[in-house]
């Protein structure tokens, strides 16, 4: 038993050492989820230090400012991690014939990521079930529990470029009444290293929200840059541009990721 325990400890230490040699891998920036997970026993913080969203339609201008929207991840095994996301401060301003302002904390999202393939596979996949808890104040959230699951699939190309597909299915609360409905989304993400530590990302995102009586079509074109300051620190920034009326006109953000 002692020998078996020693062998298991040595294997865990070797796996941890290999994981520590790998650079930080994040779900930021962009809407696509990465397939990679946080090394076992490590913590990783991915935060949007500042975000700004604008929608101007039908003589109503809506702005949303978020500060510190973050996801804290804990590596469970070599193939899985647990994630908790929360926006500590959000401010929503609506201007039409008058001006209204709401502020407070955002909703909490709990996610579990499980990588389904080997780390060195040319085609990789993961599954991410998630649950949204209604911690946001009135007007900043709908006050309902919602959830879903994402299935990111990543393809490796020549020159360390990667393409990621991100099909997702959500169970959302109806805008009126106590019922629920389904929503589908997908993203095509292309990430290309343009310098030693700099990666450029472009993506197209689309979604269908099957609300009662209508189907809301959503789409956006997104672009972002990520720069690795070290193996454990990354900064990023980007912008998303709405392609359909239900989407915000523009979303911009600046973020930071740290691995401990």
Protein backbone atom coordinates (compact mmCIF):
# COMPACT_ATOMS: atom_id res chain seq x y z
CA UNK A 1 0.00 0.00 0.00
CA UNK A 2 2.85 2.37 0.81
CA UNK A 3 4.52 1.62 -2.52
CA UNK A 4 1.21 2.13 -4.36
CA UNK A 5 0.64 5.46 -2.61
CA UNK A 6 4.20 6.55 -3.46
CA UNK A 7 3.71 5.61 -7.13
CA UNK A 8 0.40 7.54 -7.29
CA UNK A 9 2.00 10.59 -5.67
CA UNK A 10 4.92 10.46 -8.09
CA UNK A 11 2.55 10.20 -11.07
CA UNK A 12 0.49 13.15 -9.81
CA UNK A 13 3.64 15.23 -9.28
CA UNK A 14 4.90 14.39 -12.78
CA UNK A 15 1.55 15.35 -14.30
CA UNK A 16 1.50 18.59 -12.32
CA UNK A 17 5.05 19.42 -13.43
CA UNK A 18 4.10 18.91 -17.08
CA UNK A 19 1.00 21.08 -16.61
CA UNK A 20 3.06 23.82 -14.99
CA UNK A 21 5.35 23.89 -18.04
CA UNK A 22 2.35 24.57 -20.30
CA UNK A 23 1.34 28.23 -20.75
CA UNK A 24 -1.93 29.49 -19.33
CA UNK A 25 -4.98 28.51 -21.39
CA UNK A 26 -8.17 30.55 -20.95
CA UNK A 27 -11.73 30.82 -22.18
CA UNK A 28 -11.02 34.51 -22.77
CA UNK A 29 -11.22 36.44 -24.98
CA UNK A 30 -14.23 35.98 -27.24
CA UNK A 31 -17.43 33.97 -26.87
CA UNK A 32 -15.92 30.57 -27.70
CA UNK A 33 -14.96 28.19 -24.91
CA UNK A 34 -11.52 26.61 -24.93
CA UNK A 35 -11.24 22.83 -24.62
CA UNK A 36 -8.33 22.99 -22.15
CA UNK A 37 -8.77 22.80 -18.37
CA UNK A 38 -6.86 24.21 -15.40
CA UNK A 39 -4.09 21.89 -14.08
CA UNK A 40 -5.15 19.85 -11.02
CA UNK A 41 -4.80 21.73 -7.76
CA UNK A 42 -4.23 25.09 -9.45
CA UNK A 43 -6.44 28.18 -9.29
CA UNK A 44 -7.04 30.44 -12.28
CA UNK A 45 -8.75 33.83 -12.32
CA UNK A 46 -10.09 35.21 -15.59
CA UNK A 47 -11.53 38.70 -15.27
CA UNK A 48 -12.96 41.38 -17.53
CA UNK A 49 -11.55 44.35 -15.68
CA UNK A 50 -13.82 46.72 -17.61
CA UNK A 51 -16.62 46.11 -20.08
CA UNK A 52 -18.92 48.48 -21.98
CA UNK A 53 -21.98 47.62 -24.05
CA UNK A 54 -24.11 49.95 -26.20
CA UNK A 55 -27.47 49.43 -27.89
CA UNK A 56 -29.18 52.34 -29.63
CA UNK A 57 -32.56 51.49 -31.16
CA UNK A 58 -36.02 53.04 -31.48
CA UNK A 59 -34.96 56.27 -29.78
CA UNK A 60 -33.74 54.36 -26.75
CA UNK A 61 -30.07 54.27 -25.84
CA UNK A 62 -28.97 51.55 -23.42
CA UNK A 63 -25.48 51.35 -21.93
CA UNK A 64 -24.13 48.64 -19.64
CA UNK A 65 -20.84 49.06 -17.76
CA UNK A 66 -19.36 46.11 -15.88
CA UNK A 67 -16.36 46.11 -13.58
CA UNK A 68 -14.49 42.98 -12.55
CA UNK A 69 -16.70 40.36 -14.22
CA UNK A 70 -14.70 37.28 -13.25
CA UNK A 71 -14.52 33.51 -13.44
CA UNK A 72 -12.56 31.63 -10.76
CA UNK A 73 -11.48 28.13 -11.81
CA UNK A 74 -10.17 25.22 -9.75
CA UNK A 75 -8.39 22.35 -11.47
CA UNK A 76 -9.89 19.05 -10.29
CA UNK A 77 -8.12 16.50 -12.49
CA UNK A 78 -5.98 16.56 -15.61
CA UNK A 79 -9.20 16.69 -17.64
CA UNK A 80 -11.65 18.69 -15.52
CA UNK A 81 -12.13 21.91 -13.59
CA UNK A 82 -14.85 23.70 -11.63
CA UNK A 83 -15.71 27.32 -12.44
CA UNK A 84 -17.63 30.05 -10.61
CA UNK A 85 -18.44 33.28 -12.43
CA UNK A 86 -19.75 36.54 -10.97
CA UNK A 87 -19.94 40.21 -11.90
CA UNK A 88 -19.37 42.23 -8.70
CA UNK A 89 -20.59 45.50 -10.22
CA UNK A 90 -22.84 46.30 -13.18
CA UNK A 91 -24.44 49.63 -14.09
CA UNK A 92 -27.29 49.81 -16.60
CA UNK A 93 -28.32 53.21 -17.98
CA UNK A 94 -31.38 53.67 -20.21
CA UNK A 95 -32.06 56.98 -21.97
CA UNK A 96 -35.24 57.72 -23.92
CA UNK A 97 -37.58 60.53 -22.94
CA UNK A 98 -36.00 60.25 -19.49
CA UNK A 99 -32.94 58.61 -17.96
CA UNK A 100 -32.92 55.60 -15.62
CA UNK A 101 -29.95 53.98 -13.92
CA UNK A 102 -29.65 50.65 -12.12
CA UNK A 103 -26.55 49.22 -10.47
CA UNK A 104 -25.56 46.22 -8.41
CA UNK A 105 -24.14 42.71 -8.57
CA UNK A 106 -24.73 40.40 -11.52
CA UNK A 107 -25.90 36.79 -11.74
CA UNK A 108 -23.66 33.88 -10.66
CA UNK A 109 -22.78 31.10 -13.10
CA UNK A 110 -21.42 27.70 -12.00
CA UNK A 111 -19.76 25.55 -14.68
CA UNK A 112 -18.02 22.18 -14.83
CA UNK A 113 -15.67 21.52 -17.74
CA UNK A 114 -14.66 17.99 -18.72
CA UNK A 115 -12.18 17.46 -21.56
CA UNK A 116 -13.16 14.35 -23.55
CA UNK A 117 -9.98 13.84 -25.59
CA UNK A 118 -6.23 13.60 -25.05
CA UNK A 119 -4.32 16.85 -24.57
CA UNK A 120 -2.18 16.15 -27.65
CA UNK A 121 -5.03 15.16 -29.97
CA UNK A 122 -5.33 17.11 -33.24
CA UNK A 123 -9.09 17.28 -32.71
CA UNK A 124 -10.19 17.95 -29.15
CA UNK A 125 -13.58 18.21 -27.46
CA UNK A 126 -15.03 19.05 -24.07
CA UNK A 127 -18.43 19.26 -22.43
CA UNK A 128 -19.44 22.18 -20.16
CA UNK A 129 -22.71 21.93 -18.25
CA UNK A 130 -23.59 25.15 -16.43
CA UNK A 131 -26.19 26.68 -14.13
CA UNK A 132 -27.07 30.36 -13.67
CA UNK A 133 -28.18 31.46 -10.22
CA UNK A 134 -30.26 34.67 -9.95
CA UNK A 135 -28.04 36.81 -7.72
CA UNK A 136 -28.51 39.99 -9.79
CA UNK A 137 -30.70 42.80 -8.57
CA UNK A 138 -34.05 43.67 -10.15
CA UNK A 139 -33.60 45.09 -13.64
CA UNK A 140 -30.08 43.61 -14.01
CA UNK A 141 -31.31 40.01 -14.21
CA UNK A 142 -34.56 38.10 -14.69
CA UNK A 143 -34.55 36.55 -11.22
CA UNK A 144 -34.79 32.99 -12.60
CA UNK A 145 -32.57 29.91 -12.53
CA UNK A 146 -31.37 28.97 -16.02
CA UNK A 147 -28.85 26.51 -17.41
CA UNK A 148 -27.51 24.61 -20.36
CA UNK A 149 -24.50 22.85 -21.81
CA UNK A 150 -21.77 23.71 -24.33
CA UNK A 151 -19.68 21.32 -26.43
CA UNK A 152 -16.54 23.07 -27.71
CA UNK A 153 -14.62 21.24 -30.45
CA UNK A 154 -11.14 22.42 -31.42
CA UNK A 155 -9.06 21.69 -34.54
CA UNK A 156 -5.31 22.29 -34.76
CA UNK A 157 -3.82 23.70 -37.97
CA UNK A 158 -0.33 24.37 -39.29
CA UNK A 159 1.46 27.23 -37.53
CA UNK A 160 -0.34 26.75 -34.19
CA UNK A 161 -3.55 28.23 -35.55
CA UNK A 162 -6.73 26.70 -34.12
CA UNK A 163 -10.38 26.66 -35.09
CA UNK A 164 -13.00 26.14 -32.41
CA UNK A 165 -16.68 25.34 -32.87
CA UNK A 166 -18.96 25.98 -29.92
CA UNK A 167 -22.45 24.45 -30.15
CA UNK A 168 -24.55 25.19 -27.08
CA UNK A 169 -28.08 24.49 -25.88
CA UNK A 170 -29.73 26.56 -23.13
CA UNK A 171 -32.92 26.26 -21.10
CA UNK A 172 -34.12 29.83 -20.49
CA UNK A 173 -36.97 31.39 -18.58
CA UNK A 174 -39.83 32.92 -20.56
CA UNK A 175 -39.96 36.71 -20.54
CA UNK A 176 -43.57 36.44 -19.31
CA UNK A 177 -45.08 33.80 -17.07
CA UNK A 178 -43.33 30.94 -15.31
CA UNK A 179 -42.53 28.76 -18.31
CA UNK A 180 -39.23 27.93 -19.99
CA UNK A 181 -37.98 27.52 -23.54
CA UNK A 182 -34.92 26.35 -25.44
CA UNK A 183 -32.22 28.39 -27.14
CA UNK A 184 -29.44 27.22 -29.45
CA UNK A 185 -26.13 28.92 -30.21
CA UNK A 186 -22.94 28.24 -32.10
CA UNK A 187 -19.67 30.04 -32.72
CA UNK A 188 -16.86 29.65 -35.24
CA UNK A 189 -13.63 30.93 -33.73
CA UNK A 190 -10.25 31.21 -35.47
CA UNK A 191 -7.17 32.00 -33.35
CA UNK A 192 -3.82 32.72 -35.00
CA UNK A 193 -0.47 33.56 -33.33
CA UNK A 194 0.79 36.77 -34.93
CA UNK A 195 3.90 37.19 -32.75
CA UNK A 196 5.82 35.26 -30.10
CA UNK A 197 3.28 36.02 -27.35
CA UNK A 198 0.45 37.69 -29.26
CA UNK A 199 -2.64 35.87 -30.56
CA UNK A 200 -5.35 37.37 -32.76
CA UNK A 201 -8.87 35.98 -32.68
CA UNK A 202 -11.83 36.42 -34.99
CA UNK A 203 -15.20 34.76 -34.67
CA UNK A 204 -18.79 34.64 -35.86
CA UNK A 205 -21.49 33.88 -33.30
CA UNK A 206 -25.15 33.05 -33.94
CA UNK A 207 -28.07 32.10 -31.74
CA UNK A 208 -31.74 31.17 -31.93
CA UNK A 209 -33.97 31.94 -28.95
CA UNK A 210 -37.23 29.98 -29.26
CA UNK A 211 -39.45 32.26 -27.21
CA UNK A 212 -43.19 31.69 -27.10
CA UNK A 213 -44.79 32.96 -30.29
CA UNK A 214 -41.52 33.94 -32.01
CA UNK A 215 -37.95 32.94 -32.71
CA UNK A 216 -35.38 35.62 -31.95
CA UNK A 217 -32.37 35.50 -34.27
CA UNK A 218 -29.07 36.80 -32.95
CA UNK A 219 -25.63 37.16 -34.51
CA UNK A 220 -22.36 39.01 -33.95
CA UNK A 221 -18.90 39.40 -35.45
CA UNK A 222 -16.13 39.52 -32.85
CA UNK A 223 -12.42 40.32 -32.77
CA UNK A 224 -9.86 40.19 -29.95
CA UNK A 225 -6.16 40.15 -29.08
CA UNK A 226 -4.46 38.25 -26.25
CA UNK A 227 -0.89 38.80 -25.04
CA UNK A 228 0.97 36.43 -22.70
CA UNK A 229 3.06 38.40 -20.19
CA UNK A 230 4.33 35.08 -18.78
CA UNK A 231 3.27 31.43 -18.60
CA UNK A 232 0.80 32.34 -15.86
CA UNK A 233 -0.38 35.85 -16.87
CA UNK A 234 -2.35 36.98 -19.92
CA UNK A 235 -3.96 40.29 -20.87
CA UNK A 236 -6.58 40.70 -23.59
CA UNK A 237 -9.01 43.09 -25.19
CA UNK A 238 -11.65 42.93 -27.86
CA UNK A 239 -14.90 44.10 -29.39
CA UNK A 240 -18.12 42.41 -30.50
CA UNK A 241 -20.36 43.93 -33.19
CA UNK A 242 -24.06 43.08 -33.44
CA UNK A 243 -25.31 41.85 -36.82
CA UNK A 244 -28.99 41.56 -35.92
CA UNK A 245 -31.40 43.97 -34.20
CA UNK A 246 -31.74 42.06 -30.89
CA UNK A 247 -27.96 42.24 -30.35
CA UNK A 248 -26.09 45.18 -28.80
CA UNK A 249 -24.53 47.47 -31.39
CA UNK A 250 -21.08 47.09 -29.85
CA UNK A 251 -19.43 45.47 -26.83
CA UNK A 252 -15.87 46.28 -25.79
CA UNK A 253 -13.78 44.85 -22.96
CA UNK A 254 -10.33 44.62 -21.43
CA UNK A 255 -9.32 41.57 -19.41
CA UNK A 256 -6.65 39.88 -17.32
CA UNK A 257 -6.06 36.21 -16.51
CA UNK A 258 -3.84 34.85 -13.71
CA UNK A 259 -2.89 31.27 -12.83
CA UNK A 260 -1.79 30.58 -9.26
